[in-house]
Amino acid sequence: MKVGDDLFSLGRRSRYGTFEAIQIGDTDQFLSLLKRIRRTHHTEPVLIPTSDEAVKWLSAERALFQKEARYLFPDQKAIEILLNKDFFAEEA
């Protein structure tokens, strides 16, 4: 299942999954969706963020989301560095 608010993003249409429109940042709605997926499929969903905005949000709320889904993120500082394009370009 792909979740997001970008109706034109990659992966929105796939024969292997479904798309669920959720506003990035709507924590309550997203947690409800994760819980519904766990009940329906009897497993933890795997989150694969596909935008910088989604990475920022999932990272900021990681304590809540890691209880309901599986995803691996580096620590908050590493994410901030990688998402800061100017800083990352200078360091690379």
C-alpha atoms as a PDB file:
ATOM      1  CA  MET A   1       0.000   0.000   0.000  1.00  0.00           C
ATOM      2  CA  LYS A   2       1.284   3.417  -0.919  1.00  0.00           C
ATOM      3  CA  VAL A   3       0.194   6.262   1.294  1.00  0.00           C
ATOM      4  CA  GLY A   4       0.523   9.927   0.567  1.00  0.00           C
ATOM      5  CA  ASP A   5      -1.090  13.053  -0.677  1.00  0.00           C
ATOM      6  CA  ASP A   6       0.673  13.390  -4.039  1.00  0.00           C
ATOM      7  CA  LEU A   7      -1.735  12.040  -6.615  1.00  0.00           C
ATOM      8  CA  PHE A   8       0.989  12.134  -9.302  1.00  0.00           C
ATOM      9  CA  SER A   9       3.796  10.426  -7.375  1.00  0.00           C
ATOM     10  CA  LEU A  10       5.630   7.338  -8.559  1.00  0.00           C
ATOM     11  CA  GLY A  11       4.037   4.141  -7.437  1.00  0.00           C
ATOM     12  CA  ARG A  12       0.571   5.598  -7.042  1.00  0.00           C
ATOM     13  CA  ARG A  13      -0.799   3.120  -9.541  1.00  0.00           C
ATOM     14  CA  SER A  14       0.359  -0.437  -9.266  1.00  0.00           C
ATOM     15  CA  ARG A  15      -1.133  -3.850  -9.827  1.00  0.00           C
ATOM     16  CA  TYR A  16       0.754  -4.981  -6.712  1.00  0.00           C
ATOM     17  CA  GLY A  17      -0.800  -2.632  -4.212  1.00  0.00           C
ATOM     18  CA  THR A  18      -3.302   0.064  -3.465  1.00  0.00           C
ATOM     19  CA  PHE A  19      -3.114   3.788  -2.843  1.00  0.00           C
ATOM     20  CA  GLU A  20      -4.495   5.421   0.284  1.00  0.00           C
ATOM     21  CA  ALA A  21      -4.723   9.221   0.200  1.00  0.00           C
ATOM     22  CA  ILE A  22      -3.602  10.666   3.530  1.00  0.00           C
ATOM     23  CA  GLN A  23      -2.379  14.179   4.144  1.00  0.00           C
ATOM     24  CA  ILE A  24       1.286  14.068   5.157  1.00  0.00           C
ATOM     25  CA  GLY A  25       1.308  15.167   8.779  1.00  0.00           C
ATOM     26  CA  ASP A  26      -2.107  13.751   9.729  1.00  0.00           C
ATOM     27  CA  THR A  27      -0.743  11.502  12.460  1.00  0.00           C
ATOM     28  CA  ASP A  28      -4.080  10.305  13.824  1.00  0.00           C
ATOM     29  CA  GLN A  29      -5.403   9.248  10.413  1.00  0.00           C
ATOM     30  CA  PHE A  30      -2.126   7.525   9.568  1.00  0.00           C
ATOM     31  CA  LEU A  31      -2.010   5.607  12.852  1.00  0.00           C
ATOM     32  CA  SER A  32      -5.593   4.461  12.251  1.00  0.00           C
ATOM     33  CA  LEU A  33      -4.613   3.211   8.801  1.00  0.00           C
ATOM     34  CA  LEU A  34      -1.579   1.321  10.161  1.00  0.00           C
ATOM     35  CA  LYS A  35      -3.721  -0.348  12.810  1.00  0.00           C
ATOM     36  CA  ARG A  36      -6.314  -1.312  10.196  1.00  0.00           C
ATOM     37  CA  ILE A  37      -3.603  -2.842   7.983  1.00  0.00           C
ATOM     38  CA  ARG A  38      -2.229  -4.836  10.927  1.00  0.00           C
ATOM     39  CA  ARG A  39      -5.699  -6.208  11.732  1.00  0.00           C
ATOM     40  CA  THR A  40      -6.525  -7.016   8.111  1.00  0.00           C
ATOM     41  CA  HIS A  41      -3.211  -8.581   7.089  1.00  0.00           C
ATOM     42  CA  HIS A  42      -2.026  -9.850  10.503  1.00  0.00           C
ATOM     43  CA  THR A  43       1.397  -8.318  10.022  1.00  0.00           C
ATOM     44  CA  GLU A  44       3.191  -5.023  10.455  1.00  0.00           C
ATOM     45  CA  PRO A  45       3.182  -2.827   7.358  1.00  0.00           C
ATOM     46  CA  VAL A  46       6.569  -1.890   5.916  1.00  0.00           C
ATOM     47  CA  LEU A  47       6.897   1.845   5.332  1.00  0.00           C
ATOM     48  CA  ILE A  48       8.920   3.085   2.373  1.00  0.00           C
ATOM     49  CA  PRO A  49       8.739   6.869   2.206  1.00  0.00           C
ATOM     50  CA  THR A  50       9.053   8.294  -1.302  1.00  0.00           C
ATOM     51  CA  SER A  51       9.433  12.008  -0.610  1.00  0.00           C
ATOM     52  CA  ASP A  52      11.550  14.248   1.589  1.00  0.00           C
ATOM     53  CA  GLU A  53       8.401  15.503   3.281  1.00  0.00           C
ATOM     54  CA  ALA A  54       7.336  11.958   4.187  1.00  0.00           C
ATOM     55  CA  VAL A  55      10.820  11.154   5.535  1.00  0.00           C
ATOM     56  CA  LYS A  56      10.770  14.280   7.735  1.00  0.00           C
ATOM     57  CA  TRP A  57       7.325  13.440   9.083  1.00  0.00           C
ATOM     58  CA  LEU A  58       7.996   9.746   9.726  1.00  0.00           C
ATOM     59  CA  SER A  59      11.288  10.586  11.387  1.00  0.00           C
ATOM     60  CA  ALA A  60       9.758  13.244  13.633  1.00  0.00           C
ATOM     61  CA  GLU A  61       6.986  10.835  14.722  1.00  0.00           C
ATOM     62  CA  ARG A  62       9.100   7.676  14.775  1.00  0.00           C
ATOM     63  CA  ALA A  63       8.227   6.798  18.373  1.00  0.00           C
ATOM     64  CA  LEU A  64       4.539   6.531  17.432  1.00  0.00           C
ATOM     65  CA  PHE A  65       4.912   4.840  14.063  1.00  0.00           C
ATOM     66  CA  GLN A  66       7.509   2.240  15.056  1.00  0.00           C
ATOM     67  CA  LYS A  67       4.919   0.646  17.324  1.00  0.00           C
ATOM     68  CA  GLU A  68       2.635   0.003  14.328  1.00  0.00           C
ATOM     69  CA  ALA A  69       4.963  -0.527  11.345  1.00  0.00           C
ATOM     70  CA  ARG A  70       8.438  -1.556  10.294  1.00  0.00           C
ATOM     71  CA  TYR A  71      10.934   0.890   8.881  1.00  0.00           C
ATOM     72  CA  LEU A  72      14.601   1.630   9.356  1.00  0.00           C
ATOM     73  CA  PHE A  73      15.780   5.203   9.639  1.00  0.00           C
ATOM     74  CA  PRO A  74      19.091   6.648  10.715  1.00  0.00           C
ATOM     75  CA  ASP A  75      19.073   9.009  13.676  1.00  0.00           C
ATOM     76  CA  GLN A  76      17.366  12.397  13.371  1.00  0.00           C
ATOM     77  CA  LYS A  77      20.630  14.318  12.864  1.00  0.00           C
ATOM     78  CA  ALA A  78      21.638  12.156   9.883  1.00  0.00           C
ATOM     79  CA  ILE A  79      18.229  12.690   8.272  1.00  0.00           C
ATOM     80  CA  GLU A  80      18.468  16.454   8.742  1.00  0.00           C
ATOM     81  CA  ILE A  81      21.894  16.484   7.079  1.00  0.00           C
ATOM     82  CA  LEU A  82      20.779  14.334   4.144  1.00  0.00           C
ATOM     83  CA  LEU A  83      17.623  16.365   3.539  1.00  0.00           C
ATOM     84  CA  ASN A  84      19.511  19.663   3.655  1.00  0.00           C
ATOM     85  CA  LYS A  85      20.507  19.686  -0.017  1.00  0.00           C
ATOM     86  CA  ASP A  86      22.889  22.656   0.277  1.00  0.00           C
ATOM     87  CA  PHE A  87      24.787  21.156   3.206  1.00  0.00           C
ATOM     88  CA  PHE A  88      24.849  17.699   1.660  1.00  0.00           C
ATOM     89  CA  ALA A  89      26.239  19.079  -1.623  1.00  0.00           C
ATOM     90  CA  GLU A  90      29.036  20.880   0.233  1.00  0.00           C
ATOM     91  CA  GLU A  91      29.978  17.751   2.192  1.00  0.00           C
ATOM     92  CA  ALA A  92      29.899  15.479  -0.862  1.00  0.00           C
END
